[in-house]
Amino acid sequence: MRKKKVYATLEIADQEIRLIVLEIFEGRNNVLRVERVHCSGVQNQKIIDEAAVVKAIQEACKNAQSALGFRIERVLLAIPSINVQRCSQKIHVQIPDGTKTIRLFHIQQGFNKAVEKQLSEEVVFVNINQESYIVNGEQTTKMPIGKECDDFFMEVDLLYADKETMYSYARCVEQSNLQILDVCIDAYAIAQETGALIADPSRPIVVVDLEQDHCTLALFQHGRLLNTTTLEHGYKAFTEELQKKYHLSDAICYRLLQNIFTEDQDEAGDVICYIEQKEEMRVEITLKELAQSCLSKIRLWISDINEACAPIAGQSAQSMRYVLTGQGANIRVLSMMPSAFNAPATVFEEQTIGARDGAFVCGLGMAYAWQYVNKIRHDDKISVNNNELEASIDSINQRAKSGADGGFTQKLKNAILTEKE
């Protein structure tokens, strides 16, 4: 039986843990299971309650394992885009063995030499941003395995991130009895899923990752991540007044934001969209009150983005564009406000079956980022226990032959993991 490429991606997001278990088949993600567990152990992308984060990770894994029937042993971990720095190097690789033929281990030697470089005590290497090869005077982005030469050059662009943040996130994963297969900067993972890295190289793209408590802006051009910055407020700020006035939960506020269907508050009617009876008061919120309270905050948030990206837009206003993603991308009114931005703006709509939610863009992108770097590493490890996975597949095959069926997760497993005869 050919070994299945099943991976688990883990994102420690604002107020929740997101876990995706998927199979990579012919370069595409087949989602097997997604889990979201509330967690109050993160604030401003910093771990403030390690025990709460560990408990939430364990719960997410336990839920996924119970549904899938095999253990999760390793994860691909997302790291926040904090203090992201770049370093470009040109590595000279010689072929001294007399074969004059480039082999995989020659490329691995060049890669290992590149990642040895330390920028500072505050950051640590996380991702390959971009690599290319110069062989016999010709430059290519494809791995030149089998090419004949005496030596060649590797041009490698590396990404580094905040060391303290990465170690604190990694420590939570390890204390959850999980191994870390690889780490990935969240903005880079999002770019892998949204296609920002393979878009028109002459056109700058700003990926806007809107989450509950923060918003990350990441600039991409020429197939590389160039810069990142973080705005302190996320979509929770849009409903701050309503939340204080009516003592609403974060979940209710998010649902209310998803019920704004017009960018013009004058068009919103007096129809009641939310009713709740509390001990001290009766809550009734109309569409008009919702629009009047939130739309001005959304426009203020867009204004902050425009200000932060004004230098880029000023240089290339005709070609620059925004791509909105993250959990906040599920707020539909944002797709109705492209004219409020100082450059063309679109909301990325995730289309992967089983994970059609802006919150899962980062997790799905990590799987593509792993495939990209694993062309060099050639690591055959997967995230789950392979023996249990094979036993689960055998069980699925038996049930499929006998006609037995289960719930949606079971049907999805049957469709994806069943061995084709």
Protein backbone atom coordinates (compact mmCIF):
# COMPACT_ATOMS: atom_id res chain seq x y z
CA MET A 1 0.00 0.00 0.00
CA ARG A 2 1.35 3.41 -0.92
CA LYS A 3 1.94 5.58 2.14
CA LYS A 4 -0.78 8.18 2.55
CA LYS A 5 0.36 11.78 2.96
CA VAL A 6 -1.84 12.76 5.90
CA TYR A 7 -0.92 15.92 7.79
CA ALA A 8 -2.31 17.92 10.69
CA THR A 9 -1.96 21.71 10.73
CA LEU A 10 -2.31 23.66 13.96
CA GLU A 11 -2.99 27.37 14.36
CA ILE A 12 -3.08 29.01 17.79
CA ALA A 13 -5.39 31.87 16.83
CA ASP A 14 -7.18 34.64 18.73
CA GLN A 15 -9.38 32.95 21.33
CA GLU A 16 -9.34 29.52 19.68
CA ILE A 17 -7.26 26.55 18.52
CA ARG A 18 -7.73 25.47 14.89
CA LEU A 19 -6.75 21.98 13.80
CA ILE A 20 -7.07 20.62 10.27
CA VAL A 21 -6.35 17.01 9.35
CA LEU A 22 -5.95 16.53 5.61
CA GLU A 23 -4.53 14.29 2.95
CA ILE A 24 -2.38 15.68 0.17
CA PHE A 25 -3.24 13.85 -3.03
CA GLU A 26 -1.87 14.91 -6.42
CA GLY A 27 -0.94 18.32 -5.04
CA ARG A 28 -4.38 19.08 -3.61
CA ASN A 29 -5.74 19.14 -0.06
CA ASN A 30 -8.47 16.67 0.85
CA VAL A 31 -9.79 17.71 4.26
CA LEU A 32 -10.59 14.83 6.61
CA ARG A 33 -11.46 16.76 9.76
CA VAL A 34 -11.45 20.27 11.18
CA GLU A 35 -11.63 21.14 14.87
CA ARG A 36 -12.03 24.50 16.60
CA VAL A 37 -11.70 24.75 20.37
CA HIS A 38 -12.20 27.93 22.37
CA CYS A 39 -9.08 29.09 24.20
CA SER A 40 -8.52 32.21 26.29
CA GLY A 41 -4.81 31.63 26.72
CA VAL A 42 -3.66 33.96 23.92
CA GLN A 43 -3.69 37.75 23.97
CA ASN A 44 -2.15 40.02 21.33
CA GLN A 45 -0.57 36.91 19.74
CA LYS A 46 1.28 36.15 22.99
CA ILE A 47 0.77 33.09 25.19
CA ILE A 48 -0.57 34.36 28.54
CA ASP A 49 -1.92 31.05 29.90
CA GLU A 50 0.18 28.12 28.75
CA ALA A 51 -1.97 25.55 30.55
CA ALA A 52 -5.16 26.77 28.83
CA VAL A 53 -3.51 26.56 25.41
CA VAL A 54 -2.18 23.06 26.08
CA LYS A 55 -5.61 21.89 27.26
CA ALA A 56 -7.30 23.29 24.14
CA ILE A 57 -4.75 21.66 21.81
CA GLN A 58 -5.24 18.32 23.53
CA GLU A 59 -9.01 18.63 23.27
CA ALA A 60 -8.83 19.46 19.54
CA CYS A 61 -6.58 16.45 18.91
CA LYS A 62 -8.75 14.16 21.02
CA ASN A 63 -11.89 15.18 19.10
CA ALA A 64 -10.20 14.65 15.73
CA GLN A 65 -8.70 11.31 16.76
CA SER A 66 -12.06 10.03 18.00
CA ALA A 67 -13.70 10.87 14.69
CA LEU A 68 -10.91 9.60 12.44
CA GLY A 69 -9.77 6.50 14.28
CA PHE A 70 -6.02 7.17 14.33
CA ARG A 71 -3.65 9.16 16.53
CA ILE A 72 -2.15 12.52 15.64
CA GLU A 73 1.55 12.49 16.54
CA ARG A 74 2.99 15.49 14.68
CA VAL A 75 1.69 18.85 13.48
CA LEU A 76 2.62 21.66 11.16
CA LEU A 77 2.56 24.74 13.41
CA ALA A 78 1.70 28.31 12.41
CA ILE A 79 3.84 31.09 13.90
CA PRO A 80 2.53 34.70 14.13
CA SER A 81 4.06 37.27 11.78
CA ILE A 82 5.88 39.11 14.55
CA ASN A 83 9.26 40.74 13.91
CA VAL A 84 9.54 39.01 10.52
CA GLN A 85 12.90 39.61 8.82
CA ARG A 86 14.38 38.54 5.49
CA CYS A 87 17.87 37.46 4.54
CA SER A 88 19.07 36.78 0.99
CA GLN A 89 22.16 34.66 0.36
CA LYS A 90 24.06 33.34 -2.63
CA ILE A 91 25.49 29.92 -1.84
CA HIS A 92 28.27 28.35 -3.91
CA VAL A 93 27.93 24.55 -4.14
CA GLN A 94 30.77 22.49 -5.59
CA ILE A 95 30.49 18.93 -6.92
CA PRO A 96 33.79 17.32 -5.87
CA ASP A 97 32.85 13.68 -6.39
CA GLY A 98 33.78 13.62 -10.08
CA THR A 99 30.28 12.80 -11.33
CA LYS A 100 29.70 16.40 -12.47
CA THR A 101 25.98 15.77 -11.94
CA ILE A 102 23.75 17.66 -9.50
CA ARG A 103 22.00 15.38 -7.06
CA LEU A 104 19.52 16.05 -4.27
CA PHE A 105 22.11 15.94 -1.52
CA HIS A 106 24.08 18.74 -3.24
CA ILE A 107 21.00 20.97 -3.01
CA GLN A 108 20.47 19.88 0.59
CA GLN A 109 24.07 20.86 1.38
CA GLY A 110 23.49 24.35 -0.04
CA PHE A 111 20.22 24.69 1.87
CA ASN A 112 21.79 23.59 5.17
CA LYS A 113 24.62 26.07 4.68
CA ALA A 114 22.12 28.89 4.06
CA VAL A 115 20.02 28.25 7.18
CA GLU A 116 23.11 28.27 9.41
CA LYS A 117 23.17 32.07 9.18
CA GLN A 118 21.88 33.85 12.28
CA LEU A 119 20.55 37.40 11.88
CA SER A 120 20.28 38.32 15.56
CA GLU A 121 19.49 36.95 19.00
CA GLU A 122 15.86 38.08 18.69
CA VAL A 123 14.85 36.08 15.60
CA VAL A 124 15.13 32.50 14.36
CA PHE A 125 14.90 30.92 10.90
CA VAL A 126 11.40 29.69 9.98
CA ASN A 127 10.76 29.48 6.22
CA ILE A 128 12.35 29.49 2.80
CA ASN A 129 10.86 32.55 1.17
CA GLN A 130 12.17 31.84 -2.33
CA GLU A 131 15.03 29.94 -3.95
CA SER A 132 16.54 29.80 -7.42
CA TYR A 133 19.54 28.13 -9.02
CA ILE A 134 22.27 29.31 -11.39
CA VAL A 135 23.70 26.40 -13.38
CA ASN A 136 26.17 26.96 -16.23
CA GLY A 137 25.21 30.62 -16.29
CA GLU A 138 21.47 29.97 -16.59
CA GLN A 139 19.03 30.81 -13.80
CA THR A 140 16.04 28.61 -12.97
CA THR A 141 13.55 28.17 -10.13
CA LYS A 142 13.28 24.42 -10.74
CA MET A 143 15.57 22.05 -8.88
CA PRO A 144 18.37 21.26 -11.37
CA ILE A 145 18.72 17.59 -10.40
CA GLY A 146 20.56 15.69 -13.13
CA LYS A 147 22.17 18.78 -14.67
CA GLU A 148 25.85 18.39 -15.50
CA CYS A 149 28.30 20.98 -14.11
CA ASP A 150 31.34 21.37 -11.85
CA ASP A 151 29.55 23.72 -9.47
CA PHE A 152 26.40 25.84 -9.20
CA PHE A 153 24.91 28.66 -7.14
CA MET A 154 21.80 28.75 -5.00
CA GLU A 155 20.11 32.11 -4.41
CA VAL A 156 18.09 31.64 -1.23
CA ASP A 157 15.76 34.13 0.43
CA LEU A 158 15.01 33.13 4.04
CA LEU A 159 12.37 34.28 6.52
CA TYR A 160 13.04 34.73 10.23
CA ALA A 161 10.50 35.40 12.98
CA ASP A 162 10.45 36.38 16.64
CA LYS A 163 12.35 33.76 18.64
CA GLU A 164 10.50 34.23 21.94
CA THR A 165 7.10 33.92 20.24
CA MET A 166 8.07 30.82 18.30
CA TYR A 167 9.54 29.07 21.33
CA SER A 168 6.45 29.83 23.45
CA TYR A 169 4.12 28.43 20.76
CA ALA A 170 6.34 25.39 20.23
CA ARG A 171 6.49 24.73 23.97
CA CYS A 172 2.69 24.53 24.16
CA VAL A 173 2.64 21.98 21.33
CA GLU A 174 5.36 19.84 22.88
CA GLN A 175 3.62 19.91 26.27
CA SER A 176 0.53 18.58 24.47
CA ASN A 177 2.57 15.43 23.68
CA LEU A 178 2.88 16.32 20.01
CA GLN A 179 5.95 16.58 17.83
CA ILE A 180 6.46 19.53 15.47
CA LEU A 181 6.96 18.40 11.90
CA ASP A 182 7.63 21.96 10.72
CA VAL A 183 6.77 25.57 11.50
CA CYS A 184 5.48 28.23 9.13
CA ILE A 185 4.90 31.98 9.38
CA ASP A 186 1.14 32.47 9.17
CA ALA A 187 1.33 35.22 6.51
CA TYR A 188 3.47 32.98 4.29
CA ALA A 189 1.02 30.08 4.71
CA ILE A 190 -1.90 32.34 3.79
CA ALA A 191 -0.05 33.47 0.67
CA GLN A 192 0.41 29.83 -0.36
CA GLU A 193 -3.35 29.24 -0.17
CA THR A 194 -4.49 32.54 -1.71
CA GLY A 195 -1.96 32.45 -4.56
CA ALA A 196 -0.27 35.71 -3.56
CA LEU A 197 3.15 34.14 -4.16
CA ILE A 198 2.42 33.17 -7.76
CA ALA A 199 0.51 36.27 -8.84
CA ASP A 200 1.77 38.85 -11.34
CA PRO A 201 5.33 39.59 -10.10
CA SER A 202 5.10 43.25 -11.09
CA ARG A 203 1.98 43.81 -9.01
CA PRO A 204 2.32 44.29 -5.22
CA ILE A 205 -0.25 42.41 -3.16
CA VAL A 206 -1.15 43.24 0.43
CA VAL A 207 -2.76 40.27 2.19
CA VAL A 208 -5.03 41.45 5.02
CA ASP A 209 -5.52 38.75 7.65
CA LEU A 210 -8.40 39.94 9.84
CA GLU A 211 -8.86 38.08 13.11
CA GLN A 212 -10.77 38.80 16.31
CA ASP A 213 -8.14 40.80 18.18
CA HIS A 214 -5.61 41.79 15.52
CA CYS A 215 -5.06 42.32 11.82
CA THR A 216 -1.87 41.38 9.96
CA LEU A 217 -0.81 43.15 6.77
CA ALA A 218 1.69 41.29 4.60
CA LEU A 219 3.27 42.67 1.42
CA PHE A 220 4.11 40.25 -1.41
CA GLN A 221 5.82 40.93 -4.73
CA HIS A 222 8.04 38.97 -7.15
CA GLY A 223 6.99 35.73 -5.48
CA ARG A 224 8.32 36.75 -2.06
CA LEU A 225 7.09 37.99 1.29
CA LEU A 226 8.66 41.41 1.64
CA ASN A 227 7.28 42.86 4.86
CA THR A 228 4.62 42.46 7.55
CA THR A 229 2.99 44.69 10.14
CA THR A 230 0.19 44.21 12.64
CA LEU A 231 -2.74 46.47 13.49
CA GLU A 232 -3.70 46.12 17.14
CA HIS A 233 -7.46 45.88 16.59
CA GLY A 234 -9.41 43.11 14.90
CA TYR A 235 -13.09 42.72 14.00
CA LYS A 236 -14.03 42.68 17.70
CA ALA A 237 -13.54 46.45 17.67
CA PHE A 238 -16.39 46.78 15.15
CA THR A 239 -18.98 45.74 17.77
CA GLU A 240 -17.34 47.25 20.84
CA GLU A 241 -20.15 49.73 21.55
CA LEU A 242 -22.92 47.15 21.15
CA GLN A 243 -21.04 44.65 23.29
CA LYS A 244 -20.67 47.12 26.15
CA LYS A 245 -24.25 48.38 25.84
CA TYR A 246 -25.95 44.98 25.83
CA HIS A 247 -23.26 42.80 27.52
CA LEU A 248 -23.02 40.50 24.51
CA SER A 249 -20.60 37.60 24.10
CA ASP A 250 -17.88 37.60 21.45
CA ALA A 251 -19.67 34.83 19.56
CA ILE A 252 -22.93 36.80 19.39
CA CYS A 253 -21.09 39.92 18.22
CA TYR A 254 -19.44 37.97 15.42
CA ARG A 255 -22.80 36.58 14.29
CA LEU A 256 -24.23 40.09 14.29
CA LEU A 257 -21.42 41.31 12.03
CA GLN A 258 -22.31 38.54 9.59
CA ASN A 259 -25.86 39.95 9.43
CA ILE A 260 -24.85 43.33 8.02
CA PHE A 261 -25.89 43.15 4.37
CA THR A 262 -25.48 46.75 3.23
CA GLU A 263 -22.67 49.30 3.31
CA ASP A 264 -25.19 52.17 3.47
CA GLN A 265 -26.60 52.51 6.98
CA ASP A 266 -29.54 54.51 5.61
CA GLU A 267 -30.68 51.43 3.69
CA ALA A 268 -30.83 49.31 6.84
CA GLY A 269 -34.37 48.86 8.09
CA ASP A 270 -35.87 48.77 11.58
CA VAL A 271 -36.27 45.01 11.42
CA ILE A 272 -35.17 43.29 14.61
CA CYS A 273 -32.26 40.95 13.89
CA TYR A 274 -31.41 39.86 17.45
CA ILE A 275 -33.50 39.25 20.58
CA GLU A 276 -32.29 38.01 23.95
CA GLN A 277 -33.91 38.08 27.37
CA LYS A 278 -31.40 38.74 30.12
CA GLU A 279 -32.11 38.90 33.82
CA GLU A 280 -31.55 42.64 33.95
CA MET A 281 -32.82 43.64 30.51
CA ARG A 282 -34.43 42.57 27.25
CA VAL A 283 -32.09 42.97 24.27
CA GLU A 284 -33.54 43.94 20.89
CA ILE A 285 -31.16 45.02 18.15
CA THR A 286 -32.41 46.23 14.78
CA LEU A 287 -30.55 46.13 11.49
CA LYS A 288 -30.43 49.94 11.53
CA GLU A 289 -28.83 50.11 14.98
CA LEU A 290 -26.39 47.37 14.00
CA ALA A 291 -25.37 49.19 10.81
CA GLN A 292 -25.12 52.59 12.47
CA SER A 293 -22.93 51.21 15.26
CA CYS A 294 -20.60 49.02 13.18
CA LEU A 295 -20.19 50.51 9.70
CA SER A 296 -18.36 53.60 10.95
CA LYS A 297 -15.91 51.36 12.84
CA ILE A 298 -15.33 49.25 9.74
CA ARG A 299 -14.60 52.36 7.67
CA LEU A 300 -12.19 53.56 10.34
CA TRP A 301 -10.40 50.20 10.18
CA ILE A 302 -10.15 50.47 6.39
CA SER A 303 -8.78 53.99 6.81
CA ASP A 304 -6.03 52.62 9.07
CA ILE A 305 -5.11 50.07 6.39
CA ASN A 306 -5.07 52.76 3.71
CA GLU A 307 -2.76 54.89 5.86
CA ALA A 308 -0.41 51.99 6.57
CA CYS A 309 -0.18 51.09 2.86
CA ALA A 310 -0.19 54.64 1.49
CA PRO A 311 3.52 54.60 0.52
CA ILE A 312 3.01 51.44 -1.54
CA ALA A 313 -0.22 52.66 -3.10
CA GLY A 314 1.42 55.98 -3.92
CA GLN A 315 4.13 54.25 -5.93
CA SER A 316 1.88 51.83 -7.79
CA ALA A 317 -1.77 52.72 -7.15
CA GLN A 318 -2.86 51.23 -10.48
CA SER A 319 -1.31 47.82 -9.91
CA MET A 320 -1.37 47.26 -6.14
CA ARG A 321 -4.27 45.26 -4.73
CA TYR A 322 -5.58 43.96 -1.41
CA VAL A 323 -6.66 40.40 -0.61
CA LEU A 324 -8.77 40.06 2.55
CA THR A 325 -8.77 36.79 4.44
CA GLY A 326 -8.87 35.31 7.95
CA GLN A 327 -11.98 34.74 10.04
CA GLY A 328 -13.00 38.35 9.49
CA ALA A 329 -13.31 37.67 5.76
CA ASN A 330 -16.58 35.89 6.58
CA ILE A 331 -18.12 39.29 7.34
CA ARG A 332 -19.97 39.76 4.06
CA VAL A 333 -20.26 43.54 4.15
CA LEU A 334 -16.49 43.79 3.59
CA SER A 335 -16.96 42.47 0.05
CA MET A 336 -19.39 45.35 -0.57
CA MET A 337 -16.87 48.06 0.35
CA PRO A 338 -14.00 47.80 -2.19
CA SER A 339 -14.30 51.51 -3.03
CA ALA A 340 -13.35 52.43 0.53
CA PHE A 341 -9.81 51.09 -0.01
CA ASN A 342 -7.12 53.12 -1.77
CA ALA A 343 -6.47 50.22 -4.20
CA PRO A 344 -8.56 47.37 -5.65
CA ALA A 345 -9.66 44.99 -2.89
CA THR A 346 -11.18 41.50 -2.96
CA VAL A 347 -12.23 39.04 -0.28
CA PHE A 348 -10.66 35.60 -0.70
CA GLU A 349 -13.35 32.93 -0.56
CA GLU A 350 -12.02 29.55 0.50
CA GLN A 351 -13.35 26.76 -1.75
CA THR A 352 -11.77 23.65 -0.20
CA ILE A 353 -14.51 21.16 0.65
CA GLY A 354 -14.75 20.65 4.39
CA ALA A 355 -12.99 23.91 5.25
CA ARG A 356 -14.90 26.67 3.45
CA ASP A 357 -14.15 29.32 6.03
CA GLY A 358 -11.69 32.20 6.04
CA ALA A 359 -10.42 30.97 9.41
CA PHE A 360 -8.91 27.87 7.77
CA VAL A 361 -6.90 29.62 5.04
CA CYS A 362 -3.71 29.63 7.11
CA GLY A 363 -4.02 25.96 8.06
CA LEU A 364 -4.63 24.87 4.49
CA GLY A 365 -1.73 26.99 3.25
CA MET A 366 0.67 25.34 5.69
CA ALA A 367 0.22 22.05 3.84
CA TYR A 368 1.31 23.68 0.57
CA ALA A 369 4.24 25.39 2.30
CA TRP A 370 5.34 21.99 3.64
CA GLN A 371 5.23 20.46 0.14
CA TYR A 372 7.35 23.36 -1.13
CA VAL A 373 10.17 22.94 1.40
CA ASN A 374 9.91 19.15 1.47
CA LYS A 375 11.08 19.00 -2.14
CA ILE A 376 14.49 19.74 -0.63
CA ARG A 377 14.20 18.02 2.74
CA HIS A 378 12.66 14.81 1.39
CA ASP A 379 11.17 13.94 4.79
CA ASP A 380 8.70 11.04 4.57
CA LYS A 381 7.21 11.57 8.04
CA ILE A 382 3.49 12.22 8.26
CA SER A 383 1.40 13.64 11.09
CA VAL A 384 -0.50 10.52 12.11
CA ASN A 385 0.35 7.04 13.32
CA ASN A 386 0.86 5.15 10.07
CA ASN A 387 -0.07 1.71 11.45
CA GLU A 388 -3.36 3.02 12.81
CA LEU A 389 -3.99 4.89 9.56
CA GLU A 390 -3.54 1.72 7.52
CA ALA A 391 -5.82 -0.18 9.91
CA SER A 392 -8.43 2.54 9.53
CA ILE A 393 -8.17 2.34 5.73
CA ASP A 394 -8.59 -1.44 5.86
CA SER A 395 -11.66 -0.99 8.03
CA ILE A 396 -13.07 1.56 5.58
CA ASN A 397 -12.48 -0.82 2.68
CA GLN A 398 -14.32 -3.59 4.51
CA ARG A 399 -17.27 -1.34 5.33
CA ALA A 400 -17.37 -0.05 1.78
CA LYS A 401 -17.57 -3.60 0.46
CA SER A 402 -20.28 -4.57 2.95
CA GLY A 403 -22.31 -1.43 2.25
CA ALA A 404 -22.08 -0.07 5.79
CA ASP A 405 -22.05 3.72 6.09
CA GLY A 406 -21.69 6.35 8.78
CA GLY A 407 -22.01 10.08 9.33
CA PHE A 408 -20.57 12.85 7.19
CA THR A 409 -17.01 12.46 8.52
CA GLN A 410 -17.15 8.72 7.88
CA LYS A 411 -18.47 9.23 4.34
CA LEU A 412 -15.70 11.75 3.68
CA LYS A 413 -13.09 9.29 4.91
CA ASN A 414 -14.59 6.62 2.69
CA ALA A 415 -14.43 8.87 -0.36
CA ILE A 416 -10.85 10.03 0.23
CA LEU A 417 -8.97 7.18 1.89
CA THR A 418 -10.52 4.09 0.28
CA GLU A 419 -7.99 2.29 -1.89
CA LYS A 420 -9.10 2.30 -5.51
CA GLU A 421 -9.13 -1.12 -7.09
